Amino acid sequence: MLLLQIKGQYHRNPFYKKILDSPQEFKSFKVKDSYIHLKLADRRVLCIPNIQEGKRHLQETIIDQAHSLLAHLGPRKL
């Protein structure tokens, strides 16, 4: 599962490690249940660390899956 792959991996990324170490210094981010979210005006967005998953990066896998699910629907089918 994607969330389990992400959990506990933020420390491997220098930027996200800084957020985990001093969350109060990063007002645009929220750490909750070991996940980092970017706070936007109307929602929170899950941050995906750039980690290797097999031969591919996790970000690449997510984009590929989203494209497969959404891009081929076309604008009228949404």
PDB file of N, CA and C in Angstrom:
ATOM      1  N   MET A   1       0.829  -1.179   0.000  1.00  0.00           N
ATOM      2  CA  MET A   1       0.000   0.000   0.000  1.00  0.00           C
ATOM      3  C   MET A   1       0.877   1.247   0.000  1.00  0.00           C
ATOM      4  N   LEU A   2       0.452   2.233  -0.738  1.00  0.00           N
ATOM      5  CA  LEU A   2       1.233   3.461  -0.913  1.00  0.00           C
ATOM      6  C   LEU A   2       1.557   4.144   0.401  1.00  0.00           C
ATOM      7  N   LEU A   3       0.591   4.313   1.276  1.00  0.00           N
ATOM      8  CA  LEU A   3       0.836   5.016   2.531  1.00  0.00           C
ATOM      9  C   LEU A   3       1.871   4.304   3.394  1.00  0.00           C
ATOM     10  N   LEU A   4       1.870   2.999   3.379  1.00  0.00           N
ATOM     11  CA  LEU A   4       2.866   2.263   4.154  1.00  0.00           C
ATOM     12  C   LEU A   4       4.262   2.429   3.564  1.00  0.00           C
ATOM     13  N   GLN A   5       4.355   2.578   2.246  1.00  0.00           N
ATOM     14  CA  GLN A   5       5.647   2.794   1.609  1.00  0.00           C
ATOM     15  C   GLN A   5       6.213   4.161   1.978  1.00  0.00           C
ATOM     16  N   ILE A   6       5.327   5.136   2.143  1.00  0.00           N
ATOM     17  CA  ILE A   6       5.755   6.497   2.462  1.00  0.00           C
ATOM     18  C   ILE A   6       6.149   6.641   3.928  1.00  0.00           C
ATOM     19  N   LYS A   7       5.348   6.055   4.800  1.00  0.00           N
ATOM     20  CA  LYS A   7       5.541   6.223   6.237  1.00  0.00           C
ATOM     21  C   LYS A   7       6.944   5.794   6.658  1.00  0.00           C
ATOM     22  N   GLY A   8       7.589   6.645   7.366  1.00  0.00           N
ATOM     23  CA  GLY A   8       8.925   6.341   7.858  1.00  0.00           C
ATOM     24  C   GLY A   8      10.043   6.599   6.863  1.00  0.00           C
ATOM     25  N   GLN A   9       9.726   7.120   5.689  1.00  0.00           N
ATOM     26  CA  GLN A   9      10.754   7.343   4.673  1.00  0.00           C
ATOM     27  C   GLN A   9      11.173   8.813   4.552  1.00  0.00           C
ATOM     28  N   TYR A  10      10.448   9.698   5.199  1.00  0.00           N
ATOM     29  CA  TYR A  10      10.762  11.126   5.087  1.00  0.00           C
ATOM     30  C   TYR A  10      12.165  11.447   5.581  1.00  0.00           C
ATOM     31  N   HIS A  11      12.629  10.749   6.586  1.00  0.00           N
ATOM     32  CA  HIS A  11      13.952  11.024   7.146  1.00  0.00           C
ATOM     33  C   HIS A  11      15.073  10.807   6.130  1.00  0.00           C
ATOM     34  N   ARG A  12      14.801  10.053   5.071  1.00  0.00           N
ATOM     35  CA  ARG A  12      15.823   9.792   4.038  1.00  0.00           C
ATOM     36  C   ARG A  12      16.008  10.979   3.103  1.00  0.00           C
ATOM     37  N   ASN A  13      15.084  11.933   3.136  1.00  0.00           N
ATOM     38  CA  ASN A  13      15.152  13.112   2.286  1.00  0.00           C
ATOM     39  C   ASN A  13      15.600  14.294   3.151  1.00  0.00           C
ATOM     40  N   PRO A  14      16.690  14.986   2.782  1.00  0.00           N
ATOM     41  CA  PRO A  14      17.212  16.071   3.622  1.00  0.00           C
ATOM     42  C   PRO A  14      16.185  17.172   3.925  1.00  0.00           C
ATOM     43  N   PHE A  15      15.374  17.562   2.943  1.00  0.00           N
ATOM     44  CA  PHE A  15      14.386  18.622   3.170  1.00  0.00           C
ATOM     45  C   PHE A  15      13.302  18.158   4.143  1.00  0.00           C
ATOM     46  N   TYR A  16      12.737  16.999   3.921  1.00  0.00           N
ATOM     47  CA  TYR A  16      11.677  16.506   4.796  1.00  0.00           C
ATOM     48  C   TYR A  16      12.199  16.195   6.191  1.00  0.00           C
ATOM     49  N   LYS A  17      13.459  15.778   6.296  1.00  0.00           N
ATOM     50  CA  LYS A  17      14.056  15.525   7.604  1.00  0.00           C
ATOM     51  C   LYS A  17      14.080  16.803   8.433  1.00  0.00           C
ATOM     52  N   LYS A  18      14.356  17.926   7.787  1.00  0.00           N
ATOM     53  CA  LYS A  18      14.346  19.213   8.497  1.00  0.00           C
ATOM     54  C   LYS A  18      12.950  19.514   9.044  1.00  0.00           C
ATOM     55  N   ILE A  19      11.934  19.209   8.257  1.00  0.00           N
ATOM     56  CA  ILE A  19      10.555  19.444   8.699  1.00  0.00           C
ATOM     57  C   ILE A  19      10.231  18.556   9.899  1.00  0.00           C
ATOM     58  N   LEU A  20      10.630  17.297   9.837  1.00  0.00           N
ATOM     59  CA  LEU A  20      10.386  16.383  10.963  1.00  0.00           C
ATOM     60  C   LEU A  20      11.120  16.827  12.221  1.00  0.00           C
ATOM     61  N   ASP A  21      12.344  17.317  12.051  1.00  0.00           N
ATOM     62  CA  ASP A  21      13.158  17.725  13.201  1.00  0.00           C
ATOM     63  C   ASP A  21      12.655  19.015  13.844  1.00  0.00           C
ATOM     64  N   SER A  22      12.108  19.929  13.034  1.00  0.00           N
ATOM     65  CA  SER A  22      11.651  21.229  13.552  1.00  0.00           C
ATOM     66  C   SER A  22      10.365  21.663  12.853  1.00  0.00           C
ATOM     67  N   PRO A  23       9.268  20.953  13.076  1.00  0.00           N
ATOM     68  CA  PRO A  23       8.033  21.271  12.351  1.00  0.00           C
ATOM     69  C   PRO A  23       7.521  22.687  12.596  1.00  0.00           C
ATOM     70  N   GLN A  24       7.807  23.253  13.771  1.00  0.00           N
ATOM     71  CA  GLN A  24       7.349  24.598  14.083  1.00  0.00           C
ATOM     72  C   GLN A  24       7.991  25.666  13.192  1.00  0.00           C
ATOM     73  N   GLU A  25       9.107  25.348  12.563  1.00  0.00           N
ATOM     74  CA  GLU A  25       9.795  26.287  11.682  1.00  0.00           C
ATOM     75  C   GLU A  25       9.246  26.270  10.255  1.00  0.00           C
ATOM     76  N   PHE A  26       8.383  25.338   9.948  1.00  0.00           N
ATOM     77  CA  PHE A  26       7.852  25.182   8.598  1.00  0.00           C
ATOM     78  C   PHE A  26       6.334  25.320   8.648  1.00  0.00           C
ATOM     79  N   LYS A  27       5.870  26.559   8.644  1.00  0.00           N
ATOM     80  CA  LYS A  27       4.447  26.868   8.822  1.00  0.00           C
ATOM     81  C   LYS A  27       3.572  26.357   7.679  1.00  0.00           C
ATOM     82  N   SER A  28       4.144  26.110   6.522  1.00  0.00           N
ATOM     83  CA  SER A  28       3.369  25.640   5.367  1.00  0.00           C
ATOM     84  C   SER A  28       3.173  24.128   5.363  1.00  0.00           C
ATOM     85  N   PHE A  29       3.741  23.468   6.378  1.00  0.00           N
ATOM     86  CA  PHE A  29       3.655  22.012   6.444  1.00  0.00           C
ATOM     87  C   PHE A  29       3.047  21.572   7.772  1.00  0.00           C
ATOM     88  N   LYS A  30       2.411  20.425   7.753  1.00  0.00           N
ATOM     89  CA  LYS A  30       1.854  19.837   8.973  1.00  0.00           C
ATOM     90  C   LYS A  30       2.289  18.377   9.035  1.00  0.00           C
ATOM     91  N   VAL A  31       2.801  17.976  10.174  1.00  0.00           N
ATOM     92  CA  VAL A  31       3.178  16.587  10.402  1.00  0.00           C
ATOM     93  C   VAL A  31       2.083  15.962  11.256  1.00  0.00           C
ATOM     94  N   LYS A  32       1.475  14.909  10.749  1.00  0.00           N
ATOM     95  CA  LYS A  32       0.411  14.222  11.473  1.00  0.00           C
ATOM     96  C   LYS A  32       0.513  12.726  11.201  1.00  0.00           C
ATOM     97  N   ASP A  33       0.529  11.941  12.265  1.00  0.00           N
ATOM     98  CA  ASP A  33       0.609  10.487  12.153  1.00  0.00           C
ATOM     99  C   ASP A  33       1.792  10.026  11.307  1.00  0.00           C
ATOM    100  N   SER A  34       2.912  10.716  11.440  1.00  0.00           N
ATOM    101  CA  SER A  34       4.163  10.399  10.728  1.00  0.00           C
ATOM    102  C   SER A  34       4.114  10.707   9.238  1.00  0.00           C
ATOM    103  N   TYR A  35       3.117  11.457   8.793  1.00  0.00           N
ATOM    104  CA  TYR A  35       3.037  11.901   7.400  1.00  0.00           C
ATOM    105  C   TYR A  35       3.185  13.406   7.348  1.00  0.00           C
ATOM    106  N   ILE A  36       3.789  13.905   6.273  1.00  0.00           N
ATOM    107  CA  ILE A  36       3.963  15.346   6.086  1.00  0.00           C
ATOM    108  C   ILE A  36       2.991  15.807   5.009  1.00  0.00           C
ATOM    109  N   HIS A  37       2.252  16.865   5.326  1.00  0.00           N
ATOM    110  CA  HIS A  37       1.297  17.445   4.386  1.00  0.00           C
ATOM    111  C   HIS A  37       1.670  18.906   4.134  1.00  0.00           C
ATOM    112  N   LEU A  38       1.507  19.340   2.907  1.00  0.00           N
ATOM    113  CA  LEU A  38       1.636  20.749   2.553  1.00  0.00           C
ATOM    114  C   LEU A  38       0.279  21.389   2.794  1.00  0.00           C
ATOM    115  N   LYS A  39       0.246  22.475   3.550  1.00  0.00           N
ATOM    116  CA  LYS A  39      -1.010  23.155   3.845  1.00  0.00           C
ATOM    117  C   LYS A  39      -1.285  24.203   2.768  1.00  0.00           C
ATOM    118  N   LEU A  40      -2.413  24.053   2.090  1.00  0.00           N
ATOM    119  CA  LEU A  40      -2.870  25.027   1.119  1.00  0.00           C
ATOM    120  C   LEU A  40      -4.077  25.748   1.718  1.00  0.00           C
ATOM    121  N   ALA A  41      -4.592  26.744   1.026  1.00  0.00           N
ATOM    122  CA  ALA A  41      -5.696  27.539   1.560  1.00  0.00           C
ATOM    123  C   ALA A  41      -6.917  26.693   1.890  1.00  0.00           C
ATOM    124  N   ASP A  42      -7.240  25.729   1.047  1.00  0.00           N
ATOM    125  CA  ASP A  42      -8.483  24.982   1.211  1.00  0.00           C
ATOM    126  C   ASP A  42      -8.299  23.482   1.443  1.00  0.00           C
ATOM    127  N   ARG A  43      -7.054  23.014   1.551  1.00  0.00           N
ATOM    128  CA  ARG A  43      -6.836  21.582   1.737  1.00  0.00           C
ATOM    129  C   ARG A  43      -5.377  21.316   2.136  1.00  0.00           C
ATOM    130  N   ARG A  44      -5.125  20.066   2.498  1.00  0.00           N
ATOM    131  CA  ARG A  44      -3.757  19.615   2.748  1.00  0.00           C
ATOM    132  C   ARG A  44      -3.398  18.595   1.681  1.00  0.00           C
ATOM    133  N   VAL A  45      -2.141  18.619   1.245  1.00  0.00           N
ATOM    134  CA  VAL A  45      -1.668  17.719   0.200  1.00  0.00           C
ATOM    135  C   VAL A  45      -0.545  16.859   0.782  1.00  0.00           C
ATOM    136  N   LEU A  46      -0.669  15.558   0.614  1.00  0.00           N
ATOM    137  CA  LEU A  46       0.344  14.637   1.112  1.00  0.00           C
ATOM    138  C   LEU A  46       1.648  14.822   0.349  1.00  0.00           C
ATOM    139  N   CYS A  47       2.738  14.964   1.083  1.00  0.00           N
ATOM    140  CA  CYS A  47       4.065  15.077   0.469  1.00  0.00           C
ATOM    141  C   CYS A  47       4.615  13.676   0.228  1.00  0.00           C
ATOM    142  N   ILE A  48       5.170  13.474  -0.947  1.00  0.00           N
ATOM    143  CA  ILE A  48       5.714  12.175  -1.334  1.00  0.00           C
ATOM    144  C   ILE A  48       7.236  12.291  -1.390  1.00  0.00           C
ATOM    145  N   PRO A  49       7.942  11.596  -0.511  1.00  0.00           N
ATOM    146  CA  PRO A  49       9.402  11.654  -0.565  1.00  0.00           C
ATOM    147  C   PRO A  49       9.923  10.959  -1.822  1.00  0.00           C
ATOM    148  N   ASN A  50      11.028  11.417  -2.310  1.00  0.00           N
ATOM    149  CA  ASN A  50      11.615  10.860  -3.521  1.00  0.00           C
ATOM    150  C   ASN A  50      12.446   9.631  -3.155  1.00  0.00           C
ATOM    151  N   ILE A  51      11.761   8.507  -2.982  1.00  0.00           N
ATOM    152  CA  ILE A  51      12.438   7.274  -2.580  1.00  0.00           C
ATOM    153  C   ILE A  51      12.359   6.252  -3.700  1.00  0.00           C
ATOM    154  N   GLN A  52      13.353   5.402  -3.732  1.00  0.00           N
ATOM    155  CA  GLN A  52      13.418   4.337  -4.730  1.00  0.00           C
ATOM    156  C   GLN A  52      12.537   3.183  -4.293  1.00  0.00           C
ATOM    157  N   GLU A  53      11.687   2.715  -5.189  1.00  0.00           N
ATOM    158  CA  GLU A  53      10.818   1.567  -4.932  1.00  0.00           C
ATOM    159  C   GLU A  53      11.070   0.583  -6.067  1.00  0.00           C
ATOM    160  N   GLY A  54      11.908  -0.405  -5.807  1.00  0.00           N
ATOM    161  CA  GLY A  54      12.323  -1.304  -6.880  1.00  0.00           C
ATOM    162  C   GLY A  54      13.246  -0.548  -7.818  1.00  0.00           C
ATOM    163  N   LYS A  55      12.932  -0.565  -9.105  1.00  0.00           N
ATOM    164  CA  LYS A  55      13.762   0.131 -10.091  1.00  0.00           C
ATOM    165  C   LYS A  55      13.279   1.551 -10.369  1.00  0.00           C
ATOM    166  N   ARG A  56      12.150   1.930  -9.775  1.00  0.00           N
ATOM    167  CA  ARG A  56      11.556   3.243 -10.044  1.00  0.00           C
ATOM    168  C   ARG A  56      11.435   4.048  -8.756  1.00  0.00           C
ATOM    169  N   HIS A  57      11.358   5.359  -8.926  1.00  0.00           N
ATOM    170  CA  HIS A  57      11.084   6.223  -7.791  1.00  0.00           C
ATOM    171  C   HIS A  57       9.588   6.186  -7.503  1.00  0.00           C
ATOM    172  N   LEU A  58       9.241   6.303  -6.236  1.00  0.00           N
ATOM    173  CA  LEU A  58       7.842   6.249  -5.829  1.00  0.00           C
ATOM    174  C   LEU A  58       7.014   7.340  -6.497  1.00  0.00           C
ATOM    175  N   GLN A  59       7.572   8.541  -6.624  1.00  0.00           N
ATOM    176  CA  GLN A  59       6.864   9.639  -7.302  1.00  0.00           C
ATOM    177  C   GLN A  59       6.521   9.262  -8.745  1.00  0.00           C
ATOM    178  N   GLU A  60       7.441   8.641  -9.418  1.00  0.00           N
ATOM    179  CA  GLU A  60       7.229   8.203 -10.806  1.00  0.00           C
ATOM    180  C   GLU A  60       6.099   7.176 -10.886  1.00  0.00           C
ATOM    181  N   THR A  61       6.073   6.248  -9.953  1.00  0.00           N
ATOM    182  CA  THR A  61       5.026   5.231  -9.926  1.00  0.00           C
ATOM    183  C   THR A  61       3.655   5.869  -9.709  1.00  0.00           C
ATOM    184  N   ILE A  62       3.577   6.826  -8.802  1.00  0.00           N
ATOM    185  CA  ILE A  62       2.306   7.497  -8.516  1.00  0.00           C
ATOM    186  C   ILE A  62       1.820   8.265  -9.742  1.00  0.00           C
ATOM    187  N   ILE A  63       2.703   9.002 -10.386  1.00  0.00           N
ATOM    188  CA  ILE A  63       2.320   9.767 -11.579  1.00  0.00           C
ATOM    189  C   ILE A  63       1.862   8.829 -12.687  1.00  0.00           C
ATOM    190  N   ASP A  64       2.562   7.731 -12.873  1.00  0.00           N
ATOM    191  CA  ASP A  64       2.196   6.759 -13.896  1.00  0.00           C
ATOM    192  C   ASP A  64       0.813   6.165 -13.624  1.00  0.00           C
ATOM    193  N   GLN A  65       0.554   5.807 -12.384  1.00  0.00           N
ATOM    194  CA  GLN A  65      -0.751   5.239 -12.042  1.00  0.00           C
ATOM    195  C   GLN A  65      -1.865   6.268 -12.191  1.00  0.00           C
ATOM    196  N   ALA A  66      -1.608   7.502 -11.771  1.00  0.00           N
ATOM    197  CA  ALA A  66      -2.621   8.557 -11.914  1.00  0.00           C
ATOM    198  C   ALA A  66      -2.915   8.808 -13.384  1.00  0.00           C
ATOM    199  N   HIS A  67      -1.890   8.807 -14.201  1.00  0.00           N
ATOM    200  CA  HIS A  67      -2.092   9.004 -15.637  1.00  0.00           C
ATOM    201  C   HIS A  67      -2.935   7.876 -16.217  1.00  0.00           C
ATOM    202  N   SER A  68      -2.632   6.664 -15.825  1.00  0.00           N
ATOM    203  CA  SER A  68      -3.397   5.523 -16.330  1.00  0.00           C
ATOM    204  C   SER A  68      -4.863   5.597 -15.922  1.00  0.00           C
ATOM    205  N   LEU A  69      -5.114   6.062 -14.709  1.00  0.00           N
ATOM    206  CA  LEU A  69      -6.489   6.133 -14.213  1.00  0.00           C
ATOM    207  C   LEU A  69      -7.262   7.337 -14.742  1.00  0.00           C
ATOM    208  N   LEU A  70      -6.610   8.477 -14.843  1.00  0.00           N
ATOM    209  CA  LEU A  70      -7.320   9.719 -15.129  1.00  0.00           C
ATOM    210  C   LEU A  70      -7.138  10.267 -16.539  1.00  0.00           C
ATOM    211  N   ALA A  71      -5.966  10.196 -17.082  1.00  0.00           N
ATOM    212  CA  ALA A  71      -5.677  10.865 -18.346  1.00  0.00           C
ATOM    213  C   ALA A  71      -6.451  10.284 -19.513  1.00  0.00           C
ATOM    214  N   HIS A  72      -6.753   9.022 -19.461  1.00  0.00           N
ATOM    215  CA  HIS A  72      -7.427   8.390 -20.582  1.00  0.00           C
ATOM    216  C   HIS A  72      -8.955   8.480 -20.512  1.00  0.00           C
ATOM    217  N   LEU A  73      -9.440   9.131 -19.453  1.00  0.00           N
ATOM    218  CA  LEU A  73     -10.888   9.303 -19.330  1.00  0.00           C
ATOM    219  C   LEU A  73     -11.422  10.378 -20.276  1.00  0.00           C
ATOM    220  N   GLY A  74     -10.615  11.372 -20.533  1.00  0.00           N
ATOM    221  CA  GLY A  74     -11.057  12.473 -21.377  1.00  0.00           C
ATOM    222  C   GLY A  74     -11.831  13.498 -20.569  1.00  0.00           C
ATOM    223  N   PRO A  75     -11.887  14.727 -21.035  1.00  0.00           N
ATOM    224  CA  PRO A  75     -12.531  15.803 -20.251  1.00  0.00           C
ATOM    225  C   PRO A  75     -14.036  15.611 -20.087  1.00  0.00           C
ATOM    226  N   ARG A  76     -14.704  14.961 -21.000  1.00  0.00           N
ATOM    227  CA  ARG A  76     -16.157  14.807 -20.914  1.00  0.00           C
ATOM    228  C   ARG A  76     -16.594  13.692 -19.972  1.00  0.00           C
ATOM    229  N   LYS A  77     -15.704  12.794 -19.651  1.00  0.00           N
ATOM    230  CA  LYS A  77     -16.061  11.651 -18.815  1.00  0.00           C
ATOM    231  C   LYS A  77     -15.914  11.951 -17.330  1.00  0.00           C
ATOM    232  N   LEU A  78     -15.309  13.071 -16.985  1.00  0.00           N
ATOM    233  CA  LEU A  78     -15.125  13.407 -15.575  1.00  0.00           C
ATOM    234  C   LEU A  78     -16.330  14.001 -15.009  1.00  0.00           C
TER     235      LEU A  78
END
